[in-house]
Amino acid sequence: MNKYLNTHIKEVIKEFHALAPILKEYDINCATCNGNCLFKNIFEEHNLSMKEEMELKRKMASILN
């Protein structure tokens, strides 16, 4: 997962389509957003609780690793 941190989130979603619905579960709409954020910005830009962040990271890791 770390190798994607400095990649634009849209590129990561394009390669791993299963990420979009997982992000949507946390009200993160990167797949439809017009922004240009990096993958690592997901956690900085969205106010997730520590529990939510850990759950999301676990789910994303299962797809990206």
C-alpha atoms as a PDB file:
ATOM      1  CA  MET A   1       0.000   0.000   0.000  1.00  0.00           C
ATOM      2  CA  ASN A   2       2.871   2.387   0.765  1.00  0.00           C
ATOM      3  CA  LYS A   3       4.043   2.418  -2.833  1.00  0.00           C
ATOM      4  CA  TYR A   4       0.830   4.260  -3.804  1.00  0.00           C
ATOM      5  CA  LEU A   5       1.009   7.022  -1.180  1.00  0.00           C
ATOM      6  CA  ASN A   6       2.395   9.632  -3.582  1.00  0.00           C
ATOM      7  CA  THR A   7       0.175   8.571  -6.481  1.00  0.00           C
ATOM      8  CA  HIS A   8      -2.951  10.513  -7.445  1.00  0.00           C
ATOM      9  CA  ILE A   9      -5.950   8.807  -5.885  1.00  0.00           C
ATOM     10  CA  LYS A  10      -7.818   8.701  -9.190  1.00  0.00           C
ATOM     11  CA  GLU A  11      -4.975   6.665 -10.726  1.00  0.00           C
ATOM     12  CA  VAL A  12      -5.087   4.194  -7.848  1.00  0.00           C
ATOM     13  CA  ILE A  13      -8.876   3.852  -8.119  1.00  0.00           C
ATOM     14  CA  LYS A  14      -8.569   3.396 -11.879  1.00  0.00           C
ATOM     15  CA  GLU A  15      -6.192   0.484 -11.313  1.00  0.00           C
ATOM     16  CA  PHE A  16      -8.088  -0.943  -8.318  1.00  0.00           C
ATOM     17  CA  HIS A  17     -11.797  -0.354  -8.987  1.00  0.00           C
ATOM     18  CA  ALA A  18     -12.799  -2.105  -5.756  1.00  0.00           C
ATOM     19  CA  LEU A  19     -11.452   0.871  -3.758  1.00  0.00           C
ATOM     20  CA  ALA A  20     -14.241   3.227  -4.835  1.00  0.00           C
ATOM     21  CA  PRO A  21     -17.095   1.486  -2.973  1.00  0.00           C
ATOM     22  CA  ILE A  22     -14.922   1.029   0.113  1.00  0.00           C
ATOM     23  CA  LEU A  23     -14.118   4.733   0.198  1.00  0.00           C
ATOM     24  CA  LYS A  24     -17.798   5.520  -0.340  1.00  0.00           C
ATOM     25  CA  GLU A  25     -18.619   3.562   2.856  1.00  0.00           C
ATOM     26  CA  TYR A  26     -16.759   6.316   4.721  1.00  0.00           C
ATOM     27  CA  ASP A  27     -18.355   9.161   2.722  1.00  0.00           C
ATOM     28  CA  ILE A  28     -15.145   9.636   0.753  1.00  0.00           C
ATOM     29  CA  ASN A  29     -16.073  10.311  -2.860  1.00  0.00           C
ATOM     30  CA  CYS A  30     -12.670  10.373  -4.520  1.00  0.00           C
ATOM     31  CA  ALA A  31     -13.953   8.391  -7.507  1.00  0.00           C
ATOM     32  CA  THR A  32     -16.338  11.196  -8.480  1.00  0.00           C
ATOM     33  CA  CYS A  33     -14.458  14.197  -7.090  1.00  0.00           C
ATOM     34  CA  ASN A  34     -12.846  16.729  -9.417  1.00  0.00           C
ATOM     35  CA  GLY A  35      -9.845  17.107  -7.108  1.00  0.00           C
ATOM     36  CA  ASN A  36      -6.291  16.043  -7.715  1.00  0.00           C
ATOM     37  CA  CYS A  37      -5.343  14.598  -4.305  1.00  0.00           C
ATOM     38  CA  LEU A  38      -2.646  12.088  -3.668  1.00  0.00           C
ATOM     39  CA  PHE A  39      -3.539   8.727  -2.166  1.00  0.00           C
ATOM     40  CA  LYS A  40      -1.965   9.728   1.159  1.00  0.00           C
ATOM     41  CA  ASN A  41      -4.264  12.780   1.368  1.00  0.00           C
ATOM     42  CA  ILE A  42      -7.323  10.623   1.990  1.00  0.00           C
ATOM     43  CA  PHE A  43      -6.521  10.504   5.677  1.00  0.00           C
ATOM     44  CA  GLU A  44      -5.521  14.159   5.967  1.00  0.00           C
ATOM     45  CA  GLU A  45      -8.516  15.573   4.088  1.00  0.00           C
ATOM     46  CA  HIS A  46     -11.291  13.485   5.609  1.00  0.00           C
ATOM     47  CA  ASN A  47     -12.008  13.655   9.309  1.00  0.00           C
ATOM     48  CA  LEU A  48     -12.133   9.990  10.170  1.00  0.00           C
ATOM     49  CA  SER A  49     -11.964   8.711  13.708  1.00  0.00           C
ATOM     50  CA  MET A  50      -8.918   6.621  14.558  1.00  0.00           C
ATOM     51  CA  LYS A  51     -11.122   3.514  14.487  1.00  0.00           C
ATOM     52  CA  GLU A  52     -12.512   4.398  11.031  1.00  0.00           C
ATOM     53  CA  GLU A  53      -9.042   5.163   9.699  1.00  0.00           C
ATOM     54  CA  MET A  54      -7.690   1.818  10.887  1.00  0.00           C
ATOM     55  CA  GLU A  55     -10.690  -0.044   9.414  1.00  0.00           C
ATOM     56  CA  LEU A  56     -10.315   1.757   6.100  1.00  0.00           C
ATOM     57  CA  LYS A  57      -6.565   1.099   5.943  1.00  0.00           C
ATOM     58  CA  ARG A  58      -7.166  -2.588   6.638  1.00  0.00           C
ATOM     59  CA  LYS A  59      -9.782  -2.823   3.880  1.00  0.00           C
ATOM     60  CA  MET A  60      -7.627  -0.949   1.378  1.00  0.00           C
ATOM     61  CA  ALA A  61      -4.560  -3.044   2.204  1.00  0.00           C
ATOM     62  CA  SER A  62      -6.489  -6.216   1.395  1.00  0.00           C
ATOM     63  CA  ILE A  63      -7.005  -4.856  -2.132  1.00  0.00           C
ATOM     64  CA  LEU A  64      -3.649  -3.177  -2.721  1.00  0.00           C
ATOM     65  CA  ASN A  65      -1.348  -5.854  -1.309  1.00  0.00           C
END
